[in-house]
Amino acid sequence: MKLLFASTPATSQLNALLAVTRILLSEGHDIALLTGTAFRGCIKANGLTFFPLPPEADFNLRDILGVVPDLNGNPGGSEWFCVASGRLFVDAIAPQHLGLIEALRKFPADIIVGDDLFFGVLPMLLGPCAKRPPITLCGTSILHWQREDGAPNFLGLPPATTDAQLEQYEILAAERDLKVDQPILCSLNKVLKAYRVGPISMPLFHSVVELADAYMQLSVPGFEFPRELPPTVHFVGTPPIIPDQIPLPPWAHELDGSRKVVLVTQGTGANHSFELLVAPTLAGLANEPDVLVVATAGGRPTETIPGPIPSNARVASYLPFEWLLPRVDVFVTNGGYGSVNQALSFGIPLVTAGLTEGKADVNARVAWSGVGIDLATNAPSPDALRNAVRSVVDRPDYSKRASQMASEFASINTRSEILWIINQLVADRQVSRPVGASASRGRRVNR
């Protein structure tokens, strides 16, 4: 089988897709990946054929201000989101779609597998099914779908429990629709009109969830707010960590169970300033003798971590997570979706602090599900971090809930779910309805 993967040029989305390709490579399939040229070496190192995105979509989202200078100095909020979505996603649809067409010409794939932010598939999804391969997308962030309580996504709002909250969410949703969703939809439908498809009326981020032939959410139902979901949605768990990418650190023997291990990372994207989370975590836990703090710089040099490294801390640029996570007692993170789900699959409770790039919504789910403490800020103080970590270490409720979540992950055979969905789509190339509409397999509805 030939599979064409299409990735938004961002590390988190690409890493999620690479984990899926590993499952399919083991089955002997021929795989190509379309993304930004900054990731060419990584793609080839993973044994995949590389196709570059056209120049207009060939950027690296690790440098978001370089891609969208208009965001420099923008304090955030509705205006920031609208500008970012327009420039990074809507404006990229035409060149991404062209990249898909050119790649399919050279690599006639049986199926396209993309991430949830690769909106270049929309002209295909809105056009005739018979003129394209089946398309399945991977949910690499929170499930972008309407909520039962009416709250808008991306604001980090927990499920409403009172009438006052419902009224507040209704007001916020109306404001969001006016200032964000409708302006984005106006720009989106202008793009789609050039392909003689559309218009659509649902929010941009919801559209691919409903329109994809199958939508594989890389998580479990227990980590998603309860609501009725489209039949396209399948919770497939989290793919296994790619092993043996880097060797063990020289201090590996110190993780012997004699001290509680606290892992802190800002991931590979939002790690431009370690003063936000890594440094205050190291400072806050420096005087905790029963704790060993492990910090990873997400690929950056460890020298970029400011301040002295406490005696109870160990730092590294990268670490082998398949070795590390089974030894971790608490995970301190800004809320990257992939790393949070990986931690939960190992039963690790969390302390989270992050509001950007959808992280507020991830962290709201951490608090709501009881698997950790959400500090609901981008810049927590050392004292706040120490108190939160101590609460998670000293109170068994968080570990218990995280263990229950790990059992839910273990109940899903991620490999077999992904293979089944893809094989099912390819078996019927004339897709007239999503896989979930006619099959009972998978976990599609979360109540």
Protein backbone atom coordinates (compact mmCIF):
# COMPACT_ATOMS: atom_id res chain seq x y z
CA MET A 1 0.00 0.00 0.00
CA LYS A 2 1.18 3.54 -0.75
CA LEU A 3 0.44 6.14 1.92
CA LEU A 4 0.99 9.87 1.56
CA PHE A 5 1.34 11.66 4.90
CA ALA A 6 0.89 15.43 5.01
CA SER A 7 2.17 17.35 8.02
CA THR A 8 1.87 20.92 9.15
CA PRO A 9 5.50 22.13 9.37
CA ALA A 10 5.54 22.03 13.17
CA THR A 11 7.47 19.65 15.41
CA SER A 12 4.52 18.44 17.51
CA GLN A 13 2.34 17.59 14.51
CA LEU A 14 5.22 15.98 12.63
CA ASN A 15 6.30 13.86 15.60
CA ALA A 16 2.75 12.54 16.00
CA LEU A 17 2.57 11.54 12.35
CA LEU A 18 6.04 9.96 12.43
CA ALA A 19 4.90 7.74 15.29
CA VAL A 20 1.98 6.61 13.12
CA THR A 21 4.24 6.00 10.11
CA ARG A 22 6.35 3.70 12.25
CA ILE A 23 3.34 1.42 12.77
CA LEU A 24 2.67 1.29 9.04
CA LEU A 25 6.32 0.86 8.03
CA SER A 26 6.44 -2.30 10.13
CA GLU A 27 3.67 -3.66 7.88
CA GLY A 28 5.85 -3.15 4.80
CA HIS A 29 3.95 -0.21 3.33
CA ASP A 30 5.49 2.45 1.09
CA ILE A 31 5.24 5.86 2.76
CA ALA A 32 5.97 9.42 1.63
CA LEU A 33 5.63 12.56 3.71
CA LEU A 34 4.83 16.09 2.54
CA THR A 35 5.96 18.90 4.83
CA GLY A 36 8.41 21.82 5.17
CA THR A 37 12.00 21.52 3.96
CA ALA A 38 13.30 22.23 7.49
CA PHE A 39 12.31 18.63 8.29
CA ARG A 40 13.81 16.97 5.19
CA GLY A 41 16.62 15.27 7.13
CA CYS A 42 14.26 13.99 9.82
CA ILE A 43 11.89 12.52 7.22
CA LYS A 44 14.63 10.70 5.35
CA ALA A 45 16.20 9.46 8.60
CA ASN A 46 12.89 7.76 9.35
CA GLY A 47 13.02 5.86 6.05
CA LEU A 48 10.33 7.90 4.27
CA THR A 49 10.19 9.55 0.87
CA PHE A 50 10.23 13.32 1.29
CA PHE A 51 8.11 15.81 -0.66
CA PRO A 52 8.56 19.55 0.05
CA LEU A 53 5.67 21.92 0.44
CA PRO A 54 5.54 24.75 -2.12
CA PRO A 55 7.45 27.87 -1.00
CA GLU A 56 4.30 29.74 0.09
CA ALA A 57 3.59 27.04 2.69
CA ASP A 58 7.19 26.05 3.40
CA PHE A 59 7.79 27.57 6.81
CA ASN A 60 8.79 26.30 10.23
CA LEU A 61 6.28 27.03 12.99
CA ARG A 62 9.03 26.86 15.60
CA ASP A 63 9.68 30.44 14.47
CA ILE A 64 6.09 31.68 14.44
CA LEU A 65 7.08 35.36 14.71
CA GLY A 66 9.36 34.93 11.70
CA VAL A 67 6.45 33.47 9.74
CA VAL A 68 3.91 36.07 10.92
CA PRO A 69 5.78 39.24 11.95
CA ASP A 70 2.41 40.93 12.61
CA LEU A 71 2.17 38.88 15.80
CA ASN A 72 5.29 40.47 17.26
CA GLY A 73 4.17 42.57 20.22
CA ASN A 74 0.57 41.39 19.86
CA PRO A 75 -0.69 40.64 23.40
CA GLY A 76 -2.85 37.72 22.27
CA GLY A 77 -6.59 37.26 22.45
CA SER A 78 -9.09 37.27 19.59
CA GLU A 79 -7.06 39.52 17.30
CA TRP A 80 -3.92 37.38 17.72
CA PHE A 81 -5.84 34.18 17.04
CA CYS A 82 -7.57 35.61 13.98
CA VAL A 83 -4.33 36.90 12.43
CA ALA A 84 -2.43 33.70 13.22
CA SER A 85 -5.17 31.43 11.85
CA GLY A 86 -5.48 33.47 8.68
CA ARG A 87 -1.77 33.60 7.90
CA LEU A 88 -0.72 30.14 9.10
CA PHE A 89 -3.73 28.07 8.05
CA VAL A 90 -6.11 29.77 5.60
CA ASP A 91 -3.36 31.34 3.48
CA ALA A 92 -1.57 27.98 3.39
CA ILE A 93 -4.53 26.06 1.96
CA ALA A 94 -3.82 26.80 -1.71
CA PRO A 95 -0.08 25.95 -1.63
CA GLN A 96 -0.68 22.92 0.60
CA HIS A 97 -3.32 21.66 -1.82
CA LEU A 98 -0.93 22.20 -4.73
CA GLY A 99 1.72 20.26 -2.82
CA LEU A 100 -0.71 17.38 -2.37
CA ILE A 101 -1.58 17.32 -6.08
CA GLU A 102 2.09 17.36 -7.10
CA ALA A 103 3.01 14.67 -4.59
CA LEU A 104 0.14 12.43 -5.74
CA ARG A 105 1.32 12.83 -9.33
CA LYS A 106 4.73 11.38 -8.41
CA PHE A 107 3.47 9.08 -5.66
CA PRO A 108 -0.02 7.71 -6.47
CA ALA A 109 -1.07 7.02 -2.90
CA ASP A 110 -3.91 4.74 -1.86
CA ILE A 111 -4.70 7.04 1.08
CA ILE A 112 -3.75 10.42 2.50
CA VAL A 113 -3.01 10.72 6.22
CA GLY A 114 -2.72 14.24 7.61
CA ASP A 115 -2.72 16.10 10.89
CA ASP A 116 -5.64 18.17 12.16
CA LEU A 117 -4.06 21.50 11.15
CA PHE A 118 -3.26 20.58 7.53
CA PHE A 119 -6.23 22.39 5.99
CA GLY A 120 -4.88 21.93 2.47
CA VAL A 121 -7.05 18.79 2.35
CA LEU A 122 -10.27 20.84 2.51
CA PRO A 123 -10.70 21.34 -1.27
CA MET A 124 -10.43 17.56 -1.66
CA LEU A 125 -12.77 16.77 1.22
CA LEU A 126 -15.40 19.14 -0.15
CA GLY A 127 -15.05 17.82 -3.70
CA PRO A 128 -16.11 14.49 -5.25
CA CYS A 129 -14.90 11.45 -3.28
CA ALA A 130 -14.31 9.52 -6.50
CA LYS A 131 -11.64 11.98 -7.63
CA ARG A 132 -9.37 11.61 -4.60
CA PRO A 133 -7.93 8.95 -2.32
CA PRO A 134 -9.60 8.47 1.06
CA ILE A 135 -8.37 10.93 3.68
CA THR A 136 -7.90 10.28 7.38
CA LEU A 137 -6.66 12.91 9.80
CA CYS A 138 -4.93 12.62 13.18
CA GLY A 139 -6.09 14.77 16.08
CA THR A 140 -2.80 16.03 17.52
CA SER A 141 -4.42 18.51 19.91
CA ILE A 142 -7.67 18.76 21.85
CA LEU A 143 -10.67 17.55 19.91
CA HIS A 144 -11.82 20.60 17.97
CA TRP A 145 -15.55 20.16 18.20
CA GLN A 146 -18.52 22.04 19.63
CA ARG A 147 -19.20 21.63 23.33
CA GLU A 148 -22.49 20.80 25.02
CA ASP A 149 -22.16 23.80 27.35
CA GLY A 150 -21.60 26.15 24.41
CA ALA A 151 -18.12 27.23 25.53
CA PRO A 152 -15.75 28.24 22.72
CA ASN A 153 -12.55 26.28 22.30
CA PHE A 154 -9.07 27.75 22.87
CA LEU A 155 -10.01 29.69 26.02
CA GLY A 156 -9.20 26.95 28.53
CA LEU A 157 -12.72 26.84 29.97
CA PRO A 158 -13.80 23.86 32.12
CA PRO A 159 -17.25 22.29 31.59
CA ALA A 160 -19.99 24.54 32.96
CA THR A 161 -21.57 23.40 36.22
CA THR A 162 -23.86 26.36 36.96
CA ASP A 163 -26.43 28.46 35.12
CA ALA A 164 -24.17 31.47 35.59
CA GLN A 165 -21.37 29.70 33.75
CA LEU A 166 -23.71 28.71 30.93
CA GLU A 167 -24.75 32.35 30.54
CA GLN A 168 -21.12 33.47 30.59
CA TYR A 169 -20.13 30.88 27.99
CA GLU A 170 -22.99 31.95 25.72
CA ILE A 171 -21.70 35.52 25.78
CA LEU A 172 -18.11 34.41 25.17
CA ALA A 173 -19.18 32.14 22.29
CA ALA A 174 -21.08 34.97 20.59
CA GLU A 175 -18.09 37.27 20.92
CA ARG A 176 -15.77 34.57 19.62
CA ASP A 177 -17.99 33.92 16.63
CA LEU A 178 -18.15 37.62 15.76
CA LYS A 179 -14.47 38.44 16.22
CA VAL A 180 -12.80 35.17 15.19
CA ASP A 181 -14.90 32.47 13.54
CA GLN A 182 -16.78 34.63 11.05
CA PRO A 183 -13.75 36.63 9.80
CA ILE A 184 -11.80 33.37 9.37
CA LEU A 185 -14.75 31.75 7.58
CA CYS A 186 -15.04 34.72 5.24
CA SER A 187 -11.39 34.35 4.21
CA LEU A 188 -11.69 30.55 4.05
CA ASN A 189 -14.72 30.57 1.77
CA LYS A 190 -12.98 32.96 -0.62
CA VAL A 191 -10.17 30.42 -0.93
CA LEU A 192 -12.58 27.50 -1.36
CA LYS A 193 -14.55 29.35 -4.04
CA ALA A 194 -11.51 29.20 -6.31
CA TYR A 195 -11.85 25.39 -6.22
CA ARG A 196 -15.62 25.57 -6.80
CA VAL A 197 -16.36 23.97 -3.44
CA GLY A 198 -18.02 25.23 -0.30
CA PRO A 199 -19.00 27.49 1.24
CA ILE A 200 -18.92 26.04 4.72
CA SER A 201 -20.56 27.50 7.81
CA MET A 202 -18.87 25.58 10.61
CA PRO A 203 -15.69 26.95 12.26
CA LEU A 204 -12.44 26.17 10.44
CA PHE A 205 -11.10 23.86 13.16
CA HIS A 206 -14.37 21.90 13.33
CA SER A 207 -14.56 21.39 9.58
CA VAL A 208 -11.90 18.73 9.19
CA VAL A 209 -13.27 16.72 12.13
CA GLU A 210 -16.61 16.29 10.36
CA LEU A 211 -15.43 16.16 6.75
CA ALA A 212 -12.54 13.68 7.05
CA ASP A 213 -13.34 10.12 6.02
CA ALA A 214 -11.99 9.14 9.44
CA TYR A 215 -10.59 11.23 12.27
CA MET A 216 -8.15 9.46 14.59
CA GLN A 217 -7.94 11.31 17.90
CA LEU A 218 -4.60 10.47 19.54
CA SER A 219 -6.01 10.13 23.05
CA VAL A 220 -8.72 8.36 25.05
CA PRO A 221 -12.36 9.36 25.74
CA GLY A 222 -11.59 9.90 29.44
CA PHE A 223 -9.34 12.85 28.58
CA GLU A 224 -11.99 14.62 26.52
CA PHE A 225 -14.97 16.63 27.71
CA PRO A 226 -18.24 14.63 27.39
CA ARG A 227 -20.29 15.43 24.28
CA GLU A 228 -21.82 13.87 21.21
CA LEU A 229 -19.20 13.50 18.49
CA PRO A 230 -19.40 12.98 14.73
CA PRO A 231 -19.23 9.36 13.54
CA THR A 232 -15.89 10.11 11.92
CA VAL A 233 -14.13 10.33 15.30
CA HIS A 234 -12.15 7.37 16.66
CA PHE A 235 -10.12 7.53 19.86
CA VAL A 236 -7.02 5.45 19.08
CA GLY A 237 -4.84 6.05 22.15
CA THR A 238 -1.29 7.31 21.80
CA PRO A 239 1.31 5.70 19.49
CA PRO A 240 4.32 4.07 21.14
CA ILE A 241 7.37 6.26 21.69
CA ILE A 242 10.01 5.70 19.02
CA PRO A 243 12.78 3.90 20.97
CA ASP A 244 16.57 4.17 20.91
CA GLN A 245 16.73 7.66 19.43
CA ILE A 246 19.34 8.78 21.97
CA PRO A 247 21.50 6.99 24.57
CA LEU A 248 20.91 7.00 28.30
CA PRO A 249 22.37 9.97 30.21
CA PRO A 250 25.47 9.36 32.37
CA TRP A 251 23.37 9.88 35.51
CA ALA A 252 20.78 7.26 34.56
CA HIS A 253 21.67 5.11 37.59
CA GLU A 254 20.46 7.87 39.93
CA LEU A 255 16.84 7.15 39.00
CA ASP A 256 16.82 4.18 41.34
CA GLY A 257 13.60 4.88 43.26
CA SER A 258 15.30 6.43 46.27
CA ARG A 259 13.86 9.86 45.44
CA LYS A 260 10.70 11.05 43.73
CA VAL A 261 11.47 11.95 40.12
CA VAL A 262 9.96 15.17 38.76
CA LEU A 263 10.31 15.68 35.02
CA VAL A 264 10.01 19.23 33.65
CA THR A 265 10.01 20.23 30.01
CA GLN A 266 8.68 22.98 27.78
CA GLY A 267 8.64 20.67 24.77
CA THR A 268 10.22 21.40 21.40
CA GLY A 269 8.04 24.34 20.37
CA ALA A 270 7.38 26.79 23.22
CA ASN A 271 10.91 26.54 24.63
CA HIS A 272 12.21 29.95 23.53
CA SER A 273 12.40 31.11 27.16
CA PHE A 274 13.18 28.60 29.88
CA GLU A 275 12.44 31.31 32.45
CA LEU A 276 8.75 30.51 31.97
CA LEU A 277 8.68 26.98 33.42
CA VAL A 278 11.98 25.07 33.55
CA ALA A 279 13.96 27.61 35.57
CA PRO A 280 11.25 28.31 38.18
CA THR A 281 10.66 24.57 38.61
CA LEU A 282 14.36 24.00 39.27
CA ALA A 283 14.42 26.93 41.71
CA GLY A 284 11.19 25.96 43.45
CA LEU A 285 12.29 22.37 44.11
CA ALA A 286 15.96 23.08 44.86
CA ASN A 287 15.52 22.53 48.61
CA GLU A 288 13.41 19.37 48.42
CA PRO A 289 15.80 16.56 49.47
CA ASP A 290 13.39 13.76 48.58
CA VAL A 291 13.04 14.97 44.96
CA LEU A 292 15.27 14.53 41.92
CA VAL A 293 14.35 17.01 39.18
CA VAL A 294 15.04 16.00 35.59
CA ALA A 295 14.86 18.78 32.99
CA THR A 296 15.03 18.43 29.23
CA ALA A 297 15.69 21.40 26.96
CA GLY A 298 13.72 20.04 24.00
CA GLY A 299 16.74 19.98 21.71
CA ARG A 300 18.27 23.29 22.77
CA PRO A 301 21.66 23.41 24.54
CA THR A 302 21.40 22.93 28.29
CA GLU A 303 23.48 26.10 28.73
CA THR A 304 20.42 28.09 27.66
CA ILE A 305 18.66 27.17 30.91
CA PRO A 306 19.18 30.27 33.08
CA GLY A 307 20.50 30.34 36.62
CA PRO A 308 22.52 27.78 38.57
CA ILE A 309 21.47 24.14 38.27
CA PRO A 310 20.57 22.91 41.80
CA SER A 311 22.35 19.88 43.22
CA ASN A 312 19.14 17.82 43.07
CA ALA A 313 18.62 18.50 39.35
CA ARG A 314 19.86 16.79 36.17
CA VAL A 315 19.54 18.40 32.75
CA ALA A 316 19.84 17.20 29.16
CA SER A 317 19.08 18.50 25.70
CA TYR A 318 17.12 15.37 24.83
CA LEU A 319 16.24 12.28 26.85
CA PRO A 320 14.99 8.80 25.86
CA PHE A 321 11.40 9.03 27.04
CA GLU A 322 10.70 5.31 26.62
CA TRP A 323 13.29 4.77 29.39
CA LEU A 324 12.50 7.87 31.43
CA LEU A 325 8.68 7.95 31.74
CA PRO A 326 8.30 4.66 33.66
CA ARG A 327 10.58 6.20 36.32
CA VAL A 328 8.79 9.58 36.64
CA ASP A 329 6.48 10.42 39.57
CA VAL A 330 5.31 13.89 38.48
CA PHE A 331 5.42 15.59 35.09
CA VAL A 332 5.66 19.40 35.00
CA THR A 333 4.73 20.69 31.55
CA ASN A 334 3.33 23.68 29.69
CA GLY A 335 0.70 21.36 28.21
CA GLY A 336 1.84 19.93 24.88
CA TYR A 337 -0.91 17.50 23.87
CA GLY A 338 1.36 14.68 22.76
CA SER A 339 3.58 14.72 25.83
CA VAL A 340 0.60 15.00 28.20
CA ASN A 341 -1.04 11.95 26.63
CA GLN A 342 2.24 10.03 26.72
CA ALA A 343 2.62 10.81 30.42
CA LEU A 344 -0.95 9.73 31.15
CA SER A 345 -0.44 6.47 29.25
CA PHE A 346 2.26 5.73 31.85
CA GLY A 347 0.02 6.80 34.75
CA ILE A 348 2.03 9.92 35.60
CA PRO A 349 0.14 12.79 37.32
CA LEU A 350 0.84 16.31 36.12
CA VAL A 351 1.42 19.92 37.06
CA THR A 352 0.68 22.17 34.10
CA ALA A 353 1.29 25.84 33.34
CA GLY A 354 0.65 27.12 29.82
CA LEU A 355 -1.93 29.22 27.99
CA THR A 356 -0.63 29.54 24.42
CA GLU A 357 -1.12 27.42 21.26
CA GLY A 358 -4.14 25.56 22.60
CA LYS A 359 -2.35 24.55 25.78
CA ALA A 360 -4.95 26.24 27.98
CA ASP A 361 -7.53 23.74 26.71
CA VAL A 362 -5.20 20.78 27.26
CA ASN A 363 -4.46 21.92 30.79
CA ALA A 364 -8.14 22.53 31.55
CA ARG A 365 -8.66 18.84 30.77
CA VAL A 366 -5.85 17.92 33.18
CA ALA A 367 -7.65 19.69 36.02
CA TRP A 368 -11.13 18.50 35.00
CA SER A 369 -10.11 14.84 34.75
CA GLY A 370 -8.38 14.94 38.14
CA VAL A 371 -4.98 13.78 36.84
CA GLY A 372 -3.12 16.86 37.98
CA ILE A 373 -3.04 20.54 38.92
CA ASP A 374 -3.39 23.31 36.35
CA LEU A 375 -1.75 26.55 37.48
CA ALA A 376 -3.49 28.39 34.61
CA THR A 377 -0.63 30.75 33.82
CA ASN A 378 2.28 31.04 31.40
CA ALA A 379 4.72 32.13 34.09
CA PRO A 380 4.21 30.33 37.43
CA SER A 381 6.32 31.33 40.42
CA PRO A 382 8.80 28.91 42.04
CA ASP A 383 6.61 28.82 45.16
CA ALA A 384 3.48 27.95 43.16
CA LEU A 385 5.32 25.17 41.37
CA ARG A 386 6.78 23.76 44.57
CA ASN A 387 3.39 23.74 46.29
CA ALA A 388 1.70 22.10 43.31
CA VAL A 389 4.37 19.41 42.95
CA ARG A 390 4.26 18.70 46.68
CA SER A 391 0.47 18.36 46.53
CA VAL A 392 0.70 15.88 43.66
CA VAL A 393 3.50 13.92 45.38
CA ASP A 394 1.91 13.87 48.83
CA ARG A 395 -1.77 13.31 47.90
CA PRO A 396 -2.62 9.93 46.35
CA ASP A 397 -5.75 11.14 44.53
CA TYR A 398 -3.80 12.46 41.56
CA SER A 399 -1.74 9.31 41.12
CA LYS A 400 -4.87 7.19 41.43
CA ARG A 401 -6.66 9.11 38.67
CA ALA A 402 -3.57 9.02 36.46
CA SER A 403 -3.35 5.24 36.96
CA GLN A 404 -7.00 4.89 35.96
CA MET A 405 -6.28 6.93 32.84
CA ALA A 406 -3.32 4.68 32.05
CA SER A 407 -5.66 1.67 32.23
CA GLU A 408 -7.92 3.35 29.68
CA PHE A 409 -4.96 3.87 27.35
CA ALA A 410 -3.95 0.23 27.84
CA SER A 411 -7.46 -0.89 26.86
CA ILE A 412 -6.95 0.53 23.35
CA ASN A 413 -4.66 -1.34 20.96
CA THR A 414 -3.40 1.72 19.12
CA ARG A 415 -1.59 -0.24 16.46
CA SER A 416 -4.56 -2.40 15.57
CA GLU A 417 -7.03 0.52 15.64
CA ILE A 418 -4.94 2.61 13.25
CA LEU A 419 -4.31 -0.31 10.90
CA TRP A 420 -8.00 -1.23 10.89
CA ILE A 421 -9.18 2.30 10.09
CA ILE A 422 -6.68 2.77 7.27
CA ASN A 423 -7.25 -0.67 5.77
CA GLN A 424 -11.02 -0.17 5.95
CA LEU A 425 -10.83 3.14 4.11
CA VAL A 426 -8.56 1.79 1.40
CA ALA A 427 -10.74 -1.31 0.96
CA ASP A 428 -13.56 0.95 -0.13
CA ARG A 429 -12.01 3.68 -2.27
CA GLN A 430 -15.42 5.01 -3.20
CA VAL A 431 -16.09 6.43 0.25
CA SER A 432 -19.65 7.64 0.59
CA ARG A 433 -19.76 7.85 4.36
CA PRO A 434 -17.23 7.85 7.22
CA VAL A 435 -15.98 4.58 8.65
CA GLY A 436 -17.78 5.20 11.94
CA ALA A 437 -21.17 5.49 10.24
CA SER A 438 -21.35 1.79 9.41
CA ALA A 439 -19.06 0.09 11.89
CA SER A 440 -19.10 -0.52 15.62
CA ARG A 441 -15.35 -0.76 16.05
CA GLY A 442 -13.45 2.07 17.75
CA ARG A 443 -14.51 4.66 20.27
CA ARG A 444 -16.38 7.42 18.47
CA VAL A 445 -18.98 8.81 20.88
CA ASN A 446 -17.89 10.25 24.20
CA ARG A 447 -20.63 10.89 26.73
